[in-house]
Amino acid sequence: MRAKFLLSKTFLIALLTAGISLAAPLTWTLQNVTFTDGGAATGSFVFDSSSNTVISYSISVAGGNTANFPAFVYQNGAANNTGATVYTAQSVIAFLTNIGQPSDQRELNLPVLPLPAGGGAVSLNLANNLGAECFNCFPYRLFASGQVIASAAPTPTAVPALSPAPLAALGILLAACAVALSRLPRSGLS
């Protein structure tokens, strides 16, 4: 009986750990990112591919047509920055601001989607005309070059998740254990 219990316990532990996957957010750093007007963008953002969200970001733009695009920092939590939105269908991550009147918006649309969950290097999609920095969508400046390179995020924010198949198997196993326990004689339990 003891051997059977240990075998069941080992099977249960294996079943539980088999389905756990950690979705670790990655820090994506801009490298050699330039605009068609000669400006440049530097910085990074933390992206969680399991939830398809940007967790944090700090991207500076400078140079080029400074009359329309003075130096600026897109940074979550900073004044005038309203957040980052992932537009999967358009293959861009938009870093958004509100810099005055309700209609005065400056945004940076990084054409890098989809980002691989495992990291690596991803070139900006220069053929994607939605990839640009714009002020109220006009004027705008397109990207001329660049890529983003992944590294581990600075703080561990991974959340364990049990995938559906092991979860279903666990439910069946627990139900079978409940039935087996209900058939044990009550006198032997204390």
Protein backbone atom coordinates (compact mmCIF):
# COMPACT_ATOMS: atom_id res chain seq x y z
CA MET A 1 0.00 0.00 0.00
CA ARG A 2 2.85 2.40 0.89
CA ALA A 3 4.56 1.80 -2.50
CA LYS A 4 1.30 2.51 -4.30
CA PHE A 5 0.90 5.79 -2.32
CA LEU A 6 4.46 6.89 -3.15
CA LEU A 7 3.95 6.07 -6.82
CA SER A 8 0.71 8.11 -6.85
CA LYS A 9 2.44 11.00 -5.04
CA THR A 10 5.34 10.97 -7.53
CA PHE A 11 2.89 10.91 -10.44
CA LEU A 12 0.95 13.84 -8.98
CA ILE A 13 4.11 15.94 -8.52
CA ALA A 14 5.25 15.15 -12.06
CA LEU A 15 1.83 16.04 -13.40
CA LEU A 16 1.76 19.37 -11.57
CA THR A 17 5.24 20.46 -12.61
CA ALA A 18 4.87 19.30 -16.22
CA GLY A 19 2.27 21.93 -17.03
CA ILE A 20 3.87 24.91 -15.31
CA SER A 21 5.37 27.44 -17.66
CA LEU A 22 6.94 30.74 -16.70
CA ALA A 23 6.23 33.67 -18.95
CA ALA A 24 9.14 35.97 -18.31
CA PRO A 25 8.89 39.54 -19.61
CA LEU A 26 11.88 40.69 -21.65
CA THR A 27 13.60 44.05 -21.89
CA TRP A 28 13.85 45.13 -25.54
CA THR A 29 16.60 47.71 -26.18
CA LEU A 30 16.54 49.95 -29.26
CA GLN A 31 19.74 49.72 -31.27
CA ASN A 32 20.76 52.02 -34.16
CA VAL A 33 17.18 53.32 -34.50
CA THR A 34 17.03 56.35 -36.80
CA PHE A 35 14.35 58.36 -38.58
CA THR A 36 14.27 59.47 -42.22
CA ASP A 37 14.84 63.09 -41.10
CA GLY A 38 18.12 62.18 -39.35
CA GLY A 39 16.71 61.95 -35.83
CA ALA A 40 17.39 58.99 -33.55
CA ALA A 41 15.61 57.00 -30.83
CA THR A 42 17.31 55.28 -27.89
CA GLY A 43 16.07 53.45 -24.83
CA SER A 44 14.15 50.31 -24.00
CA PHE A 45 10.81 48.80 -23.03
CA VAL A 46 9.76 45.72 -21.06
CA PHE A 47 7.31 43.52 -22.96
CA ASP A 48 5.35 40.57 -21.62
CA SER A 49 4.53 38.30 -24.56
CA SER A 50 2.18 36.11 -22.51
CA SER A 51 -0.20 39.04 -21.89
CA ASN A 52 0.87 41.04 -24.96
CA THR A 53 1.50 44.15 -22.86
CA VAL A 54 4.21 46.72 -22.29
CA ILE A 55 5.09 46.80 -18.59
CA SER A 56 7.44 49.78 -18.59
CA TYR A 57 9.35 51.94 -21.06
CA SER A 58 11.79 54.80 -21.44
CA ILE A 59 12.55 55.88 -25.01
CA SER A 60 14.26 59.17 -25.92
CA VAL A 61 14.02 60.81 -29.34
CA ALA A 62 16.26 63.64 -30.51
CA GLY A 63 17.68 65.28 -33.62
CA GLY A 64 16.33 65.51 -37.12
CA ASN A 65 13.49 67.94 -37.73
CA THR A 66 13.58 69.55 -34.27
CA ALA A 67 11.09 72.27 -35.29
CA ASN A 68 8.35 69.62 -35.49
CA PHE A 69 9.96 67.03 -33.22
CA PRO A 70 11.94 68.57 -30.36
CA ALA A 71 13.79 66.16 -28.08
CA PHE A 72 11.34 64.14 -25.97
CA VAL A 73 11.25 61.16 -23.61
CA TYR A 74 8.45 58.60 -23.84
CA GLN A 75 8.37 57.14 -20.34
CA ASN A 76 5.61 55.49 -18.37
CA GLY A 77 4.56 57.60 -15.44
CA ALA A 78 6.23 60.78 -16.75
CA ALA A 79 4.29 63.98 -17.36
CA ASN A 80 2.21 63.93 -20.55
CA ASN A 81 2.82 60.22 -21.19
CA THR A 82 -0.46 58.31 -21.31
CA GLY A 83 0.78 54.76 -21.80
CA ALA A 84 1.70 52.16 -24.36
CA THR A 85 -0.74 50.23 -26.52
CA VAL A 86 -0.04 47.05 -28.48
CA TYR A 87 -1.69 47.10 -31.90
CA THR A 88 -1.23 43.52 -33.07
CA ALA A 89 -3.13 43.93 -36.35
CA GLN A 90 -0.97 46.93 -37.30
CA SER A 91 2.23 45.27 -36.02
CA VAL A 92 3.20 48.27 -33.88
CA ILE A 93 3.60 49.21 -30.25
CA ALA A 94 2.36 52.78 -29.74
CA PHE A 95 3.87 54.94 -27.00
CA LEU A 96 1.29 57.68 -26.42
CA THR A 97 1.23 61.19 -24.98
CA ASN A 98 -1.12 64.08 -24.42
CA ILE A 99 0.93 67.27 -24.62
CA GLY A 100 -1.60 70.04 -24.27
CA GLN A 101 -5.01 70.33 -25.78
CA PRO A 102 -7.05 67.11 -25.85
CA SER A 103 -6.19 66.65 -29.51
CA ASP A 104 -2.46 67.37 -29.18
CA GLN A 105 -0.88 63.97 -29.21
CA ARG A 106 2.67 62.97 -29.95
CA GLU A 107 3.20 59.27 -30.44
CA LEU A 108 5.91 56.82 -31.31
CA ASN A 109 4.72 53.75 -33.22
CA LEU A 110 7.45 51.12 -33.14
CA PRO A 111 7.00 48.58 -36.00
CA VAL A 112 8.41 45.49 -34.26
CA LEU A 113 5.52 43.07 -33.78
CA PRO A 114 5.35 40.18 -33.36
CA LEU A 115 8.09 39.95 -30.72
CA PRO A 116 9.28 36.39 -30.06
CA ALA A 117 8.69 35.19 -26.48
CA GLY A 118 12.19 33.72 -26.42
CA GLY A 119 13.90 37.01 -27.27
CA GLY A 120 16.56 37.65 -29.89
CA ALA A 121 16.95 40.56 -32.28
CA VAL A 122 14.06 41.99 -34.31
CA SER A 123 14.59 44.52 -37.09
CA LEU A 124 12.14 47.39 -37.40
CA ASN A 125 9.74 46.72 -40.27
CA LEU A 126 10.65 49.70 -42.46
CA ALA A 127 7.96 48.73 -44.99
CA ASN A 128 5.25 49.33 -42.36
CA ASN A 129 4.16 52.95 -42.97
CA LEU A 130 2.38 52.96 -39.61
CA GLY A 131 5.79 52.74 -37.96
CA ALA A 132 6.62 56.41 -37.34
CA GLU A 133 6.73 59.22 -34.85
CA CYS A 134 3.97 61.72 -35.37
CA PHE A 135 2.41 64.83 -33.92
CA ASN A 136 -1.38 64.62 -34.27
CA CYS A 137 -0.58 62.14 -37.06
CA PHE A 138 0.81 64.97 -39.18
CA PRO A 139 3.59 65.84 -39.41
CA TYR A 140 5.26 62.48 -39.08
CA ARG A 141 8.66 60.92 -39.63
CA LEU A 142 9.24 57.33 -40.67
CA PHE A 143 11.93 55.02 -39.39
CA ALA A 144 15.06 54.63 -41.52
CA SER A 145 16.90 51.86 -39.64
CA GLY A 146 17.21 49.95 -36.42
CA GLN A 147 16.32 46.93 -34.39
CA VAL A 148 15.37 45.88 -30.88
CA ILE A 149 17.38 43.33 -28.91
CA ALA A 150 16.00 41.33 -25.98
CA SER A 151 17.52 40.62 -22.60
CA ALA A 152 16.06 39.40 -19.33
CA ALA A 153 13.84 41.94 -17.58
CA PRO A 154 15.51 43.51 -14.55
CA THR A 155 12.89 42.34 -12.06
CA PRO A 156 11.36 38.87 -12.01
CA THR A 157 7.66 39.31 -12.67
CA ALA A 158 6.98 35.85 -14.05
CA VAL A 159 3.67 34.28 -13.11
CA PRO A 160 3.36 30.49 -13.11
CA ALA A 161 0.51 29.19 -15.22
CA LEU A 162 -0.84 25.66 -15.49
CA SER A 163 -1.60 24.72 -19.08
CA PRO A 164 -5.03 23.15 -19.88
CA ALA A 165 -4.03 19.49 -20.47
CA PRO A 166 -2.23 18.95 -17.14
CA LEU A 167 -4.96 20.92 -15.37
CA ALA A 168 -7.62 18.57 -16.79
CA ALA A 169 -5.51 15.53 -15.88
CA LEU A 170 -5.07 16.92 -12.37
CA GLY A 171 -8.85 17.29 -12.03
CA ILE A 172 -9.39 13.68 -13.10
CA LEU A 173 -6.66 12.47 -10.76
CA LEU A 174 -8.09 14.40 -7.81
CA ALA A 175 -11.57 13.05 -8.52
CA ALA A 176 -10.17 9.49 -8.64
CA CYS A 177 -8.35 10.09 -5.33
CA ALA A 178 -11.56 11.39 -3.76
CA VAL A 179 -13.43 8.26 -4.86
CA ALA A 180 -10.62 6.01 -3.57
CA LEU A 181 -10.51 7.82 -0.23
CA SER A 182 -14.29 7.58 0.16
CA ARG A 183 -14.02 3.78 -0.13
CA LEU A 184 -11.40 3.43 2.63
CA PRO A 185 -12.65 1.98 5.91
CA ARG A 186 -13.27 4.80 8.41
CA SER A 187 -11.84 2.91 11.38
CA GLY A 188 -8.26 3.15 10.06
CA LEU A 189 -8.29 6.95 9.77
CA SER A 190 -7.65 9.25 12.71
